[in-house]
Amino acid sequence: MANNTYNALYSPYGAYELKAKYQRNFGFSSLIVVGFVLLILGVAWVIANWEDEPEVVYSAQKVIKTVAELGPPPAIAKKPPQVKVTQPNVAAPKVGIPKPVADEEVVDDDVVLATREELAEIVAPDVTSASAGEGDIVVDIQEEDYLPSPTEFVPVEIYPEMIYQEQPDYPRLARQASLEGDVVVQVLVDKDGTVRDAIVAKSSGTASLDEAAIEAAKECRFKPGIQNGQPVACWVSFTYNFRLNQ
């Protein structure tokens, strides 16, 4: 009876076999986990440092003849350091009141403005003025000989001012037929104030009146437009009114 009582008090309990092996199993499983983590880190490092050889693409040389082909300037990746400049005490500019314009003087009836998305898709070409190689873009624009097209935007601070307007001759056949009309002409005013070209922006509906307006417009004289203190060539428009004296 005493022997049975002793065995009941001092006999092992609580899964003795598992407790005897848990340290070995814990160490073995820890080594497996550490090895798996190191394997994942190694694969990630190999993928991150894997570099393919860059593909070399050769393109033909492109020569730019007009300013319009240059496109917008490329984005500046690194901004220069900002320099603090003391602002002078200058009076704020006065905003003028817009003046109404007659319907017959409006020439841009079908203007379509580009959206922000369309402007963002415009990519400026890689322009270089150094020695031309394969795939380079060479700027070959003679600034003195360059004249803008009628649809090209030219920044102008002071627009040309007419100092002499040639009056057109009323065509004989149009006078005999009692034809009247208004002709809106566009003229290209050069840096010296002369008219280099003239076109019909809005026709009167009579060819002879349009031709007479163009011939007279070419003889007009202007004060040239000014941008950054320098004269610039730009287009301006005005109207010739053909009326018969009753």
C-alpha atoms as a PDB file:
ATOM      1  CA  MET A   1       0.000   0.000   0.000  1.00  0.00           C
ATOM      2  CA  ALA A   2       2.870   2.384   0.826  1.00  0.00           C
ATOM      3  CA  ASN A   3       4.604   1.565  -2.438  1.00  0.00           C
ATOM      4  CA  ASN A   4       1.507   2.438  -4.431  1.00  0.00           C
ATOM      5  CA  THR A   5       1.215   5.754  -2.606  1.00  0.00           C
ATOM      6  CA  TYR A   6       4.859   6.637  -3.419  1.00  0.00           C
ATOM      7  CA  ASN A   7       4.424   5.920  -7.143  1.00  0.00           C
ATOM      8  CA  ALA A   8       1.293   8.082  -7.312  1.00  0.00           C
ATOM      9  CA  LEU A   9       3.091  11.063  -5.740  1.00  0.00           C
ATOM     10  CA  TYR A  10       6.357  10.957  -7.760  1.00  0.00           C
ATOM     11  CA  SER A  11       5.280   9.514 -11.133  1.00  0.00           C
ATOM     12  CA  PRO A  12       5.851  11.839 -14.225  1.00  0.00           C
ATOM     13  CA  TYR A  13       2.770  13.694 -15.591  1.00  0.00           C
ATOM     14  CA  GLY A  14       1.763  16.110 -18.391  1.00  0.00           C
ATOM     15  CA  ALA A  15       3.085  14.445 -21.630  1.00  0.00           C
ATOM     16  CA  TYR A  16       6.553  13.753 -20.381  1.00  0.00           C
ATOM     17  CA  GLU A  17       7.725  12.427 -23.780  1.00  0.00           C
ATOM     18  CA  LEU A  18       6.838  15.700 -25.564  1.00  0.00           C
ATOM     19  CA  LYS A  19       8.441  17.879 -22.898  1.00  0.00           C
ATOM     20  CA  ALA A  20      11.634  15.897 -23.199  1.00  0.00           C
ATOM     21  CA  LYS A  21      11.903  16.659 -26.969  1.00  0.00           C
ATOM     22  CA  TYR A  22      10.427  20.181 -27.279  1.00  0.00           C
ATOM     23  CA  GLN A  23      13.793  21.991 -27.119  1.00  0.00           C
ATOM     24  CA  ARG A  24      15.196  19.976 -29.992  1.00  0.00           C
ATOM     25  CA  ASN A  25      12.031  20.460 -32.064  1.00  0.00           C
ATOM     26  CA  PHE A  26      11.962  24.202 -31.306  1.00  0.00           C
ATOM     27  CA  GLY A  27      15.568  24.666 -32.399  1.00  0.00           C
ATOM     28  CA  PHE A  28      15.050  22.659 -35.574  1.00  0.00           C
ATOM     29  CA  SER A  29      11.937  24.651 -36.546  1.00  0.00           C
ATOM     30  CA  SER A  30      13.723  27.960 -35.818  1.00  0.00           C
ATOM     31  CA  LEU A  31      16.532  27.006 -38.182  1.00  0.00           C
ATOM     32  CA  ILE A  32      13.983  26.185 -40.911  1.00  0.00           C
ATOM     33  CA  VAL A  33      12.250  29.585 -40.513  1.00  0.00           C
ATOM     34  CA  VAL A  34      15.536  31.519 -40.538  1.00  0.00           C
ATOM     35  CA  GLY A  35      16.680  29.667 -43.645  1.00  0.00           C
ATOM     36  CA  PHE A  36      13.402  30.371 -45.443  1.00  0.00           C
ATOM     37  CA  VAL A  37      13.621  34.116 -44.626  1.00  0.00           C
ATOM     38  CA  LEU A  38      17.229  34.283 -45.833  1.00  0.00           C
ATOM     39  CA  LEU A  39      16.200  32.542 -49.060  1.00  0.00           C
ATOM     40  CA  ILE A  40      13.456  35.122 -49.707  1.00  0.00           C
ATOM     41  CA  LEU A  41      15.838  38.029 -49.009  1.00  0.00           C
ATOM     42  CA  GLY A  42      18.444  36.535 -51.328  1.00  0.00           C
ATOM     43  CA  VAL A  43      15.972  36.142 -54.198  1.00  0.00           C
ATOM     44  CA  ALA A  44      14.757  39.746 -53.713  1.00  0.00           C
ATOM     45  CA  TRP A  45      18.344  41.057 -53.761  1.00  0.00           C
ATOM     46  CA  VAL A  46      19.142  39.188 -56.983  1.00  0.00           C
ATOM     47  CA  ILE A  47      16.007  40.550 -58.698  1.00  0.00           C
ATOM     48  CA  ALA A  48      16.728  44.120 -57.526  1.00  0.00           C
ATOM     49  CA  ASN A  49      20.303  44.054 -58.828  1.00  0.00           C
ATOM     50  CA  TRP A  50      19.490  42.369 -62.094  1.00  0.00           C
ATOM     51  CA  GLU A  51      20.174  44.866 -64.910  1.00  0.00           C
ATOM     52  CA  ASP A  52      19.530  44.347 -68.575  1.00  0.00           C
ATOM     53  CA  GLU A  53      21.857  45.842 -71.119  1.00  0.00           C
ATOM     54  CA  PRO A  54      20.372  49.100 -72.500  1.00  0.00           C
ATOM     55  CA  GLU A  55      19.077  48.872 -76.030  1.00  0.00           C
ATOM     56  CA  VAL A  56      20.752  51.358 -78.384  1.00  0.00           C
ATOM     57  CA  VAL A  57      18.339  52.937 -80.856  1.00  0.00           C
ATOM     58  CA  TYR A  58      19.662  54.988 -83.755  1.00  0.00           C
ATOM     59  CA  SER A  59      17.457  57.532 -85.500  1.00  0.00           C
ATOM     60  CA  ALA A  60      17.944  59.757 -88.488  1.00  0.00           C
ATOM     61  CA  GLN A  61      19.118  63.340 -88.088  1.00  0.00           C
ATOM     62  CA  LYS A  62      16.335  65.931 -87.941  1.00  0.00           C
ATOM     63  CA  VAL A  63      16.863  69.550 -89.019  1.00  0.00           C
ATOM     64  CA  ILE A  64      14.552  72.206 -87.584  1.00  0.00           C
ATOM     65  CA  LYS A  65      13.749  75.075 -89.928  1.00  0.00           C
ATOM     66  CA  THR A  66      11.091  76.994 -87.962  1.00  0.00           C
ATOM     67  CA  VAL A  67      10.602  77.952 -84.329  1.00  0.00           C
ATOM     68  CA  ALA A  68       7.244  76.166 -84.297  1.00  0.00           C
ATOM     69  CA  GLU A  69       9.021  72.796 -84.718  1.00  0.00           C
ATOM     70  CA  LEU A  70      11.036  73.237 -81.521  1.00  0.00           C
ATOM     71  CA  GLY A  71       8.114  72.348 -79.226  1.00  0.00           C
ATOM     72  CA  PRO A  72       7.911  73.237 -75.556  1.00  0.00           C
ATOM     73  CA  PRO A  73      11.129  73.279 -73.506  1.00  0.00           C
ATOM     74  CA  PRO A  74      12.023  70.051 -71.689  1.00  0.00           C
ATOM     75  CA  ALA A  75      11.191  69.704 -68.021  1.00  0.00           C
ATOM     76  CA  ILE A  76      13.915  70.690 -65.583  1.00  0.00           C
ATOM     77  CA  ALA A  77      14.737  67.730 -63.355  1.00  0.00           C
ATOM     78  CA  LYS A  78      16.955  69.613 -60.911  1.00  0.00           C
ATOM     79  CA  LYS A  79      15.879  73.105 -59.924  1.00  0.00           C
ATOM     80  CA  PRO A  80      18.580  75.723 -59.320  1.00  0.00           C
ATOM     81  CA  PRO A  81      18.907  77.097 -55.794  1.00  0.00           C
ATOM     82  CA  GLN A  82      16.501  79.900 -55.005  1.00  0.00           C
ATOM     83  CA  VAL A  83      18.062  83.323 -54.416  1.00  0.00           C
ATOM     84  CA  LYS A  84      16.184  85.809 -52.275  1.00  0.00           C
ATOM     85  CA  VAL A  85      15.882  89.165 -54.028  1.00  0.00           C
ATOM     86  CA  THR A  86      14.438  92.232 -52.397  1.00  0.00           C
ATOM     87  CA  GLN A  87      11.410  93.350 -54.381  1.00  0.00           C
ATOM     88  CA  PRO A  88      11.382  97.059 -55.318  1.00  0.00           C
ATOM     89  CA  ASN A  89       8.406  99.189 -54.444  1.00  0.00           C
ATOM     90  CA  VAL A  90       6.640  99.284 -57.780  1.00  0.00           C
ATOM     91  CA  ALA A  91       3.018 100.239 -58.248  1.00  0.00           C
ATOM     92  CA  ALA A  92       0.756  97.417 -59.354  1.00  0.00           C
ATOM     93  CA  PRO A  93      -0.162  97.512 -63.047  1.00  0.00           C
ATOM     94  CA  LYS A  94      -3.579  98.830 -63.932  1.00  0.00           C
ATOM     95  CA  VAL A  95      -5.840  96.420 -65.754  1.00  0.00           C
ATOM     96  CA  GLY A  96      -7.537  98.063 -68.702  1.00  0.00           C
ATOM     97  CA  ILE A  97     -11.199  97.644 -69.508  1.00  0.00           C
ATOM     98  CA  PRO A  98     -11.748  95.368 -72.541  1.00  0.00           C
ATOM     99  CA  LYS A  99     -13.278  97.112 -75.524  1.00  0.00           C
ATOM    100  CA  PRO A 100     -16.058  95.495 -77.549  1.00  0.00           C
ATOM    101  CA  VAL A 101     -15.211  94.528 -81.128  1.00  0.00           C
ATOM    102  CA  ALA A 102     -17.620  94.309 -84.039  1.00  0.00           C
ATOM    103  CA  ASP A 103     -18.556  90.825 -85.239  1.00  0.00           C
ATOM    104  CA  GLU A 104     -17.074  91.390 -88.694  1.00  0.00           C
ATOM    105  CA  GLU A 105     -13.634  92.056 -87.142  1.00  0.00           C
ATOM    106  CA  VAL A 106     -13.504  88.703 -85.356  1.00  0.00           C
ATOM    107  CA  VAL A 107     -11.313  86.445 -87.464  1.00  0.00           C
ATOM    108  CA  ASP A 108     -10.689  83.474 -85.157  1.00  0.00           C
ATOM    109  CA  ASP A 109     -14.065  81.777 -85.416  1.00  0.00           C
ATOM    110  CA  ASP A 110     -12.862  78.171 -85.428  1.00  0.00           C
ATOM    111  CA  VAL A 111     -10.117  78.257 -82.800  1.00  0.00           C
ATOM    112  CA  VAL A 112      -9.715  74.995 -80.863  1.00  0.00           C
ATOM    113  CA  LEU A 113      -7.720  75.242 -77.632  1.00  0.00           C
ATOM    114  CA  ALA A 114      -5.693  72.238 -76.513  1.00  0.00           C
ATOM    115  CA  THR A 115      -6.620  70.599 -73.229  1.00  0.00           C
ATOM    116  CA  ARG A 116      -4.160  70.007 -70.396  1.00  0.00           C
ATOM    117  CA  GLU A 117      -4.001  66.320 -71.301  1.00  0.00           C
ATOM    118  CA  GLU A 118      -3.110  67.129 -74.909  1.00  0.00           C
ATOM    119  CA  LEU A 119      -0.446  69.621 -73.814  1.00  0.00           C
ATOM    120  CA  ALA A 120       1.022  67.037 -71.421  1.00  0.00           C
ATOM    121  CA  GLU A 121       1.404  64.560 -74.290  1.00  0.00           C
ATOM    122  CA  ILE A 122       3.573  66.974 -76.263  1.00  0.00           C
ATOM    123  CA  VAL A 123       7.197  65.845 -75.978  1.00  0.00           C
ATOM    124  CA  ALA A 124       9.931  68.337 -76.726  1.00  0.00           C
ATOM    125  CA  PRO A 125      12.620  67.016 -79.092  1.00  0.00           C
ATOM    126  CA  ASP A 126      16.226  66.689 -78.013  1.00  0.00           C
ATOM    127  CA  VAL A 127      17.649  69.876 -79.494  1.00  0.00           C
ATOM    128  CA  THR A 128      21.372  70.459 -79.822  1.00  0.00           C
ATOM    129  CA  SER A 129      23.327  73.218 -81.506  1.00  0.00           C
ATOM    130  CA  ALA A 130      26.703  71.445 -81.325  1.00  0.00           C
ATOM    131  CA  SER A 131      28.214  69.176 -83.954  1.00  0.00           C
ATOM    132  CA  ALA A 132      25.527  67.005 -85.503  1.00  0.00           C
ATOM    133  CA  GLY A 133      25.728  63.271 -85.145  1.00  0.00           C
ATOM    134  CA  GLU A 134      23.401  60.420 -85.924  1.00  0.00           C
ATOM    135  CA  GLY A 135      20.042  60.887 -84.234  1.00  0.00           C
ATOM    136  CA  ASP A 136      20.699  64.546 -83.293  1.00  0.00           C
ATOM    137  CA  ILE A 137      18.393  67.481 -84.022  1.00  0.00           C
ATOM    138  CA  VAL A 138      20.095  70.514 -85.513  1.00  0.00           C
ATOM    139  CA  VAL A 139      18.596  73.986 -85.167  1.00  0.00           C
ATOM    140  CA  ASP A 140      19.034  75.852 -88.457  1.00  0.00           C
ATOM    141  CA  ILE A 141      16.893  78.989 -88.036  1.00  0.00           C
ATOM    142  CA  GLN A 142      18.026  82.361 -89.322  1.00  0.00           C
ATOM    143  CA  GLU A 143      16.461  84.747 -86.811  1.00  0.00           C
ATOM    144  CA  GLU A 144      16.771  87.788 -89.062  1.00  0.00           C
ATOM    145  CA  ASP A 145      14.987  86.047 -91.966  1.00  0.00           C
ATOM    146  CA  TYR A 146      12.302  84.366 -89.900  1.00  0.00           C
ATOM    147  CA  LEU A 147       8.715  85.547 -90.415  1.00  0.00           C
ATOM    148  CA  PRO A 148       5.775  84.045 -88.495  1.00  0.00           C
ATOM    149  CA  SER A 149       2.806  82.435 -90.226  1.00  0.00           C
ATOM    150  CA  PRO A 150      -0.711  83.949 -89.884  1.00  0.00           C
ATOM    151  CA  THR A 151      -1.773  81.224 -87.411  1.00  0.00           C
ATOM    152  CA  GLU A 152       1.412  81.318 -85.300  1.00  0.00           C
ATOM    153  CA  PHE A 153       1.282  82.975 -81.883  1.00  0.00           C
ATOM    154  CA  VAL A 154       3.874  85.728 -81.405  1.00  0.00           C
ATOM    155  CA  PRO A 155       4.209  87.285 -77.928  1.00  0.00           C
ATOM    156  CA  VAL A 156       4.023  91.077 -78.251  1.00  0.00           C
ATOM    157  CA  GLU A 157       3.969  93.631 -75.458  1.00  0.00           C
ATOM    158  CA  ILE A 158       3.087  96.599 -77.711  1.00  0.00           C
ATOM    159  CA  TYR A 159       1.161  95.822 -80.890  1.00  0.00           C
ATOM    160  CA  PRO A 160       1.952  97.650 -84.147  1.00  0.00           C
ATOM    161  CA  GLU A 161       0.309 101.035 -84.592  1.00  0.00           C
ATOM    162  CA  MET A 162      -0.791 102.224 -88.025  1.00  0.00           C
ATOM    163  CA  ILE A 163       0.751 105.551 -88.999  1.00  0.00           C
ATOM    164  CA  TYR A 164      -0.417 105.601 -92.632  1.00  0.00           C
ATOM    165  CA  GLN A 165      -3.414 103.826 -94.173  1.00  0.00           C
ATOM    166  CA  GLU A 166      -3.660 103.553 -97.926  1.00  0.00           C
ATOM    167  CA  GLN A 167      -7.214 103.967 -99.207  1.00  0.00           C
ATOM    168  CA  PRO A 168      -8.245 101.360-101.778  1.00  0.00           C
ATOM    169  CA  ASP A 169      -9.574 102.193-105.241  1.00  0.00           C
ATOM    170  CA  TYR A 170     -13.224 101.242-105.643  1.00  0.00           C
ATOM    171  CA  PRO A 171     -13.343  98.680-108.491  1.00  0.00           C
ATOM    172  CA  ARG A 172     -15.202 100.089-111.519  1.00  0.00           C
ATOM    173  CA  LEU A 173     -17.314  96.991-112.148  1.00  0.00           C
ATOM    174  CA  ALA A 174     -18.260  96.753-108.467  1.00  0.00           C
ATOM    175  CA  ARG A 175     -19.260 100.417-108.470  1.00  0.00           C
ATOM    176  CA  GLN A 176     -21.369  99.972-111.601  1.00  0.00           C
ATOM    177  CA  ALA A 177     -23.058  96.936-110.044  1.00  0.00           C
ATOM    178  CA  SER A 178     -23.643  98.878-106.787  1.00  0.00           C
ATOM    179  CA  LEU A 179     -21.724  96.233-104.783  1.00  0.00           C
ATOM    180  CA  GLU A 180     -20.726  97.098-101.208  1.00  0.00           C
ATOM    181  CA  GLY A 181     -19.004  95.138 -98.449  1.00  0.00           C
ATOM    182  CA  ASP A 182     -16.470  94.973 -95.642  1.00  0.00           C
ATOM    183  CA  VAL A 183     -13.091  93.251 -96.013  1.00  0.00           C
ATOM    184  CA  VAL A 184     -11.086  92.205 -92.944  1.00  0.00           C
ATOM    185  CA  VAL A 185      -7.418  91.947 -93.914  1.00  0.00           C
ATOM    186  CA  GLN A 186      -4.456  90.546 -92.007  1.00  0.00           C
ATOM    187  CA  VAL A 187      -1.047  92.086 -92.637  1.00  0.00           C
ATOM    188  CA  LEU A 188       2.401  90.959 -91.575  1.00  0.00           C
ATOM    189  CA  VAL A 189       4.179  93.996 -90.121  1.00  0.00           C
ATOM    190  CA  ASP A 190       7.953  93.618 -90.289  1.00  0.00           C
ATOM    191  CA  LYS A 191      10.453  94.939 -87.746  1.00  0.00           C
ATOM    192  CA  ASP A 192      10.823  98.186 -89.706  1.00  0.00           C
ATOM    193  CA  GLY A 193       7.059  98.796 -89.906  1.00  0.00           C
ATOM    194  CA  THR A 194       6.582  97.807 -93.544  1.00  0.00           C
ATOM    195  CA  VAL A 195       3.932  95.323 -94.635  1.00  0.00           C
ATOM    196  CA  ARG A 196       5.598  92.121 -95.833  1.00  0.00           C
ATOM    197  CA  ASP A 197       2.410  90.236 -96.672  1.00  0.00           C
ATOM    198  CA  ALA A 198      -1.368  90.692 -96.646  1.00  0.00           C
ATOM    199  CA  ILE A 199      -4.216  88.160 -96.751  1.00  0.00           C
ATOM    200  CA  VAL A 200      -8.010  88.258 -96.567  1.00  0.00           C
ATOM    201  CA  ALA A 201      -9.122  87.227 -93.092  1.00  0.00           C
ATOM    202  CA  LYS A 202     -12.827  87.692 -93.812  1.00  0.00           C
ATOM    203  CA  SER A 203     -14.105  88.200 -97.336  1.00  0.00           C
ATOM    204  CA  SER A 204     -16.708  90.719 -98.416  1.00  0.00           C
ATOM    205  CA  GLY A 205     -18.197  88.173-100.817  1.00  0.00           C
ATOM    206  CA  THR A 206     -16.910  90.095-103.849  1.00  0.00           C
ATOM    207  CA  ALA A 207     -13.521  89.115-105.270  1.00  0.00           C
ATOM    208  CA  SER A 208     -12.793  92.548-106.757  1.00  0.00           C
ATOM    209  CA  LEU A 209     -13.347  94.273-103.389  1.00  0.00           C
ATOM    210  CA  ASP A 210     -11.088  91.743-101.654  1.00  0.00           C
ATOM    211  CA  GLU A 211      -8.311  92.286-104.214  1.00  0.00           C
ATOM    212  CA  ALA A 212      -8.544  96.071-103.893  1.00  0.00           C
ATOM    213  CA  ALA A 213      -8.306  95.821-100.092  1.00  0.00           C
ATOM    214  CA  ILE A 214      -5.205  93.600-100.320  1.00  0.00           C
ATOM    215  CA  GLU A 215      -3.439  95.962-102.727  1.00  0.00           C
ATOM    216  CA  ALA A 216      -4.132  98.939-100.453  1.00  0.00           C
ATOM    217  CA  ALA A 217      -3.109  97.090 -97.285  1.00  0.00           C
ATOM    218  CA  LYS A 218       0.355  96.361 -98.709  1.00  0.00           C
ATOM    219  CA  GLU A 219       1.013 100.113 -98.941  1.00  0.00           C
ATOM    220  CA  CYS A 220       0.175 100.861 -95.290  1.00  0.00           C
ATOM    221  CA  ARG A 221       2.862 101.788 -92.763  1.00  0.00           C
ATOM    222  CA  PHE A 222       3.077 100.919 -89.052  1.00  0.00           C
ATOM    223  CA  LYS A 223       5.103 101.423 -85.948  1.00  0.00           C
ATOM    224  CA  PRO A 224       6.503  97.917 -85.379  1.00  0.00           C
ATOM    225  CA  GLY A 225       5.448  95.709 -82.502  1.00  0.00           C
ATOM    226  CA  ILE A 226       7.700  95.631 -79.421  1.00  0.00           C
ATOM    227  CA  GLN A 227       8.681  92.633 -77.277  1.00  0.00           C
ATOM    228  CA  ASN A 228      11.350  92.895 -74.537  1.00  0.00           C
ATOM    229  CA  GLY A 229      12.309  96.313 -75.890  1.00  0.00           C
ATOM    230  CA  GLN A 230      13.030  94.949 -79.391  1.00  0.00           C
ATOM    231  CA  PRO A 231      10.922  95.222 -82.576  1.00  0.00           C
ATOM    232  CA  VAL A 232       9.306  91.973 -83.710  1.00  0.00           C
ATOM    233  CA  ALA A 233       7.413  90.885 -86.802  1.00  0.00           C
ATOM    234  CA  CYS A 234       3.771  90.003 -86.164  1.00  0.00           C
ATOM    235  CA  TRP A 235       0.344  89.916 -87.804  1.00  0.00           C
ATOM    236  CA  VAL A 236      -2.399  92.522 -87.237  1.00  0.00           C
ATOM    237  CA  SER A 237      -5.864  92.880 -88.739  1.00  0.00           C
ATOM    238  CA  PHE A 238      -8.065  95.813 -89.716  1.00  0.00           C
ATOM    239  CA  THR A 239     -11.132  96.423 -91.879  1.00  0.00           C
ATOM    240  CA  TYR A 240     -11.766  98.209 -95.180  1.00  0.00           C
ATOM    241  CA  ASN A 241     -15.348  99.390 -95.660  1.00  0.00           C
ATOM    242  CA  PHE A 242     -16.531  99.753 -99.252  1.00  0.00           C
ATOM    243  CA  ARG A 243     -19.562 102.047 -99.413  1.00  0.00           C
ATOM    244  CA  LEU A 244     -21.124 103.896-102.337  1.00  0.00           C
ATOM    245  CA  ASN A 245     -22.018 107.551-101.870  1.00  0.00           C
ATOM    246  CA  GLN A 246     -25.757 107.851-102.425  1.00  0.00           C
END
